[in-house]
N, C-alpha and C. Protein backbone atom coordinates (compact mmCIF):
# COMPACT_ATOMS: atom_id res chain seq x y z
N MET A 1 2.91 20.69 20.00
CA MET A 1 2.03 21.58 19.27
C MET A 1 0.70 20.87 19.02
N PRO A 2 -0.39 21.59 19.16
CA PRO A 2 -1.69 20.99 18.90
C PRO A 2 -1.96 20.81 17.41
N THR A 3 -2.83 19.89 17.12
CA THR A 3 -3.28 19.65 15.75
C THR A 3 -4.66 20.27 15.61
N TYR A 4 -4.83 21.12 14.61
CA TYR A 4 -6.11 21.75 14.35
C TYR A 4 -6.69 21.20 13.06
N GLN A 5 -8.01 21.04 13.03
CA GLN A 5 -8.67 20.56 11.83
C GLN A 5 -9.33 21.76 11.17
N TYR A 6 -9.15 21.86 9.85
CA TYR A 6 -9.73 22.96 9.07
C TYR A 6 -10.63 22.39 7.99
N ARG A 7 -11.69 23.17 7.66
CA ARG A 7 -12.61 22.79 6.60
C ARG A 7 -12.94 24.02 5.78
N CYS A 8 -12.97 23.85 4.46
CA CYS A 8 -13.34 24.94 3.56
C CYS A 8 -14.84 24.90 3.36
N SER A 9 -15.51 26.02 3.60
CA SER A 9 -16.96 26.06 3.44
C SER A 9 -17.37 26.17 1.97
N SER A 10 -16.43 26.47 1.08
CA SER A 10 -16.75 26.55 -0.35
C SER A 10 -16.64 25.19 -1.04
N CYS A 11 -15.49 24.53 -0.89
CA CYS A 11 -15.26 23.28 -1.62
C CYS A 11 -15.36 22.03 -0.74
N GLY A 12 -15.41 22.20 0.59
CA GLY A 12 -15.54 21.07 1.49
C GLY A 12 -14.24 20.37 1.83
N PHE A 13 -13.11 20.89 1.35
CA PHE A 13 -11.80 20.30 1.62
C PHE A 13 -11.52 20.34 3.12
N GLU A 14 -11.00 19.23 3.67
CA GLU A 14 -10.64 19.16 5.08
C GLU A 14 -9.20 18.72 5.23
N THR A 15 -8.51 19.28 6.23
CA THR A 15 -7.12 18.92 6.51
C THR A 15 -6.82 19.18 7.99
N GLU A 16 -5.73 18.56 8.44
CA GLU A 16 -5.25 18.79 9.80
C GLU A 16 -3.91 19.50 9.71
N VAL A 17 -3.70 20.49 10.59
CA VAL A 17 -2.49 21.29 10.56
C VAL A 17 -1.91 21.38 11.97
N PHE A 18 -0.59 21.15 12.09
CA PHE A 18 0.10 21.36 13.37
C PHE A 18 0.43 22.83 13.47
N GLN A 19 -0.06 23.49 14.53
CA GLN A 19 0.19 24.91 14.73
C GLN A 19 0.42 25.19 16.20
N ARG A 20 1.15 26.27 16.46
CA ARG A 20 1.27 26.75 17.83
C ARG A 20 -0.06 27.35 18.24
N MET A 21 -0.32 27.36 19.53
CA MET A 21 -1.57 27.95 20.01
C MET A 21 -1.60 29.45 19.76
N SER A 22 -0.44 30.07 19.69
CA SER A 22 -0.36 31.52 19.48
C SER A 22 -0.46 31.90 18.00
N ASP A 23 -0.38 30.93 17.08
CA ASP A 23 -0.48 31.22 15.65
C ASP A 23 -1.90 31.62 15.28
N ASP A 24 -2.02 32.52 14.28
CA ASP A 24 -3.33 32.90 13.77
C ASP A 24 -3.95 31.73 13.01
N ALA A 25 -5.26 31.66 13.03
CA ALA A 25 -5.97 30.61 12.29
C ALA A 25 -5.78 30.83 10.80
N LEU A 26 -5.73 29.75 10.04
CA LEU A 26 -5.61 29.84 8.59
C LEU A 26 -6.96 30.26 8.01
N THR A 27 -6.94 31.07 6.94
CA THR A 27 -8.19 31.52 6.33
C THR A 27 -8.27 31.16 4.86
N THR A 28 -7.14 30.91 4.21
CA THR A 28 -7.12 30.59 2.78
C THR A 28 -7.07 29.08 2.59
N CYS A 29 -8.03 28.55 1.85
CA CYS A 29 -8.09 27.12 1.57
C CYS A 29 -6.89 26.72 0.72
N THR A 30 -6.23 25.66 1.13
CA THR A 30 -5.06 25.19 0.38
C THR A 30 -5.45 24.42 -0.87
N ASP A 31 -6.74 24.09 -1.02
CA ASP A 31 -7.21 23.34 -2.19
C ASP A 31 -7.77 24.26 -3.27
N CYS A 32 -8.73 25.14 -2.89
CA CYS A 32 -9.35 26.01 -3.90
C CYS A 32 -8.84 27.45 -3.87
N GLY A 33 -8.14 27.85 -2.80
CA GLY A 33 -7.56 29.18 -2.73
C GLY A 33 -8.50 30.28 -2.24
N LYS A 34 -9.74 29.93 -1.91
CA LYS A 34 -10.70 30.95 -1.42
C LYS A 34 -10.47 31.22 0.06
N GLU A 35 -10.94 32.37 0.51
CA GLU A 35 -10.79 32.79 1.90
C GLU A 35 -11.94 32.24 2.76
N THR A 36 -12.22 30.97 2.63
CA THR A 36 -13.35 30.37 3.35
C THR A 36 -12.91 29.19 4.21
N PHE A 37 -11.65 29.18 4.63
CA PHE A 37 -11.12 28.11 5.48
C PHE A 37 -11.49 28.41 6.92
N GLU A 38 -12.02 27.43 7.64
CA GLU A 38 -12.43 27.63 9.03
C GLU A 38 -11.88 26.52 9.89
N ARG A 39 -11.48 26.87 11.10
CA ARG A 39 -11.04 25.88 12.07
C ARG A 39 -12.28 25.23 12.66
N VAL A 40 -12.31 23.91 12.68
CA VAL A 40 -13.46 23.20 13.22
C VAL A 40 -13.06 22.44 14.48
N ILE A 41 -14.03 22.25 15.34
CA ILE A 41 -13.80 21.48 16.56
C ILE A 41 -14.06 20.03 16.24
N SER A 42 -13.13 19.19 16.60
CA SER A 42 -13.26 17.78 16.29
C SER A 42 -13.15 16.95 17.55
N ALA A 43 -13.80 15.81 17.56
CA ALA A 43 -13.73 14.90 18.70
C ALA A 43 -12.62 13.87 18.51
N GLU A 44 -11.92 13.96 17.41
CA GLU A 44 -10.84 13.02 17.13
C GLU A 44 -9.61 13.36 17.96
N GLY A 45 -8.68 12.46 17.94
CA GLY A 45 -7.45 12.70 18.68
C GLY A 45 -7.67 12.48 20.14
N GLY A 46 -7.69 13.51 20.89
CA GLY A 46 -7.94 13.40 22.31
C GLY A 46 -6.68 13.22 23.12
N PHE A 47 -6.87 13.07 24.38
CA PHE A 47 -5.79 12.94 25.34
C PHE A 47 -5.36 11.48 25.41
N MET A 48 -4.06 11.24 25.30
CA MET A 48 -3.57 9.87 25.31
C MET A 48 -2.40 9.74 26.28
N LEU A 49 -2.48 8.75 27.14
CA LEU A 49 -1.39 8.47 28.07
C LEU A 49 -0.59 7.29 27.54
N LYS A 50 0.70 7.47 27.46
CA LYS A 50 1.56 6.40 26.98
C LYS A 50 2.64 6.12 28.01
N GLY A 51 3.11 4.91 28.03
CA GLY A 51 4.19 4.55 28.94
C GLY A 51 3.68 3.80 30.14
N SER A 52 4.58 3.42 31.00
CA SER A 52 4.18 2.64 32.16
C SER A 52 3.64 3.56 33.25
N GLY A 53 2.79 3.00 34.10
CA GLY A 53 2.26 3.76 35.22
C GLY A 53 0.88 4.33 35.01
N PHE A 54 0.28 4.14 33.83
CA PHE A 54 -1.02 4.74 33.55
C PHE A 54 -2.17 3.75 33.57
N TYR A 55 -1.89 2.49 33.73
CA TYR A 55 -2.93 1.48 33.68
C TYR A 55 -3.01 0.74 35.01
N SER A 56 -4.17 0.26 35.35
CA SER A 56 -4.33 -0.45 36.62
C SER A 56 -3.46 -1.69 36.67
N THR A 57 -3.18 -2.27 35.52
CA THR A 57 -2.35 -3.48 35.48
C THR A 57 -0.88 -3.18 35.78
N ASP A 58 -0.47 -1.92 35.69
CA ASP A 58 0.92 -1.57 35.96
C ASP A 58 1.24 -1.66 37.45
N TYR A 59 0.23 -1.63 38.29
CA TYR A 59 0.44 -1.68 39.73
C TYR A 59 0.10 -3.04 40.33
N CYS A 60 -0.22 -3.98 39.49
CA CYS A 60 -0.58 -5.31 39.96
C CYS A 60 0.62 -6.22 39.93
N SER A 61 0.62 -7.15 40.86
CA SER A 61 1.63 -8.20 40.77
C SER A 61 1.00 -9.36 40.02
N LYS A 62 1.78 -10.12 39.33
CA LYS A 62 1.24 -11.26 38.59
C LYS A 62 0.77 -12.31 39.59
N PRO A 63 -0.22 -13.10 39.23
CA PRO A 63 -0.74 -14.09 40.16
C PRO A 63 0.29 -15.14 40.51
N SER A 64 0.17 -15.63 41.72
CA SER A 64 1.08 -16.68 42.16
C SER A 64 0.66 -18.01 41.54
N PRO A 65 1.55 -18.97 41.54
CA PRO A 65 1.20 -20.28 41.00
C PRO A 65 0.02 -20.88 41.76
N LYS A 66 -0.71 -21.76 41.09
CA LYS A 66 -1.88 -22.39 41.72
C LYS A 66 -1.48 -23.12 42.99
N GLY A 67 -2.34 -23.05 43.94
CA GLY A 67 -2.08 -23.73 45.20
C GLY A 67 -1.38 -22.84 46.22
N SER A 68 -0.93 -21.67 45.80
CA SER A 68 -0.27 -20.75 46.73
C SER A 68 -1.34 -20.04 47.54
N GLU A 69 -1.04 -19.69 48.76
CA GLU A 69 -2.03 -19.04 49.61
C GLU A 69 -2.04 -17.53 49.44
N SER A 70 -0.97 -16.91 48.88
CA SER A 70 -0.91 -15.45 48.79
C SER A 70 -1.91 -14.90 47.78
N GLY A 71 -2.18 -15.61 46.68
CA GLY A 71 -3.19 -15.18 45.72
C GLY A 71 -2.70 -14.16 44.73
N GLY A 72 -1.84 -13.24 45.10
CA GLY A 72 -1.31 -12.22 44.18
C GLY A 72 -2.41 -11.30 43.68
N GLY A 73 -2.12 -10.53 42.66
CA GLY A 73 -3.10 -9.65 42.06
C GLY A 73 -3.24 -8.34 42.81
N CYS A 74 -4.19 -7.55 42.38
CA CYS A 74 -4.43 -6.23 42.96
C CYS A 74 -5.26 -6.33 44.22
N SER A 75 -5.09 -5.37 45.07
CA SER A 75 -5.90 -5.33 46.28
C SER A 75 -7.30 -4.80 45.97
N THR A 76 -7.44 -4.06 44.81
CA THR A 76 -8.74 -3.50 44.47
C THR A 76 -9.64 -4.51 43.79
N GLY A 77 -9.07 -5.57 43.24
CA GLY A 77 -9.86 -6.57 42.56
C GLY A 77 -10.17 -6.21 41.12
N SER A 78 -9.69 -5.05 40.61
CA SER A 78 -9.98 -4.64 39.26
C SER A 78 -8.92 -5.11 38.27
N CYS A 79 -7.93 -5.79 38.72
CA CYS A 79 -6.82 -6.22 37.88
C CYS A 79 -7.20 -7.51 37.15
N PRO A 80 -6.93 -7.59 35.85
CA PRO A 80 -7.25 -8.81 35.11
C PRO A 80 -6.40 -9.99 35.54
N PHE A 81 -5.28 -9.75 36.23
CA PHE A 81 -4.44 -10.85 36.69
C PHE A 81 -5.01 -11.52 37.93
N ALA A 82 -5.87 -10.80 38.66
CA ALA A 82 -6.42 -11.33 39.91
C ALA A 82 -7.70 -12.08 39.60
N LYS A 83 -7.61 -13.36 39.39
CA LYS A 83 -8.81 -14.17 39.08
C LYS A 83 -8.96 -15.26 40.08
């Protein structure tokens, strides 16, 4: 379920609410009780990838010991292990 941010235009109270996308927007402020609650667009939160497989380092092999000829690391050169 998405998190929506609401702000009351009367008292300035702000809160975040978990709601289904199909739910109606809230209109009554939970702090002052007036019908001036509005859903606001926020840049907070955002899209987050968790778990293995989402980072360039997940596809890199660790570097080989010094003196080895294989070198290890990523073929793209963007891996922090490839130095």
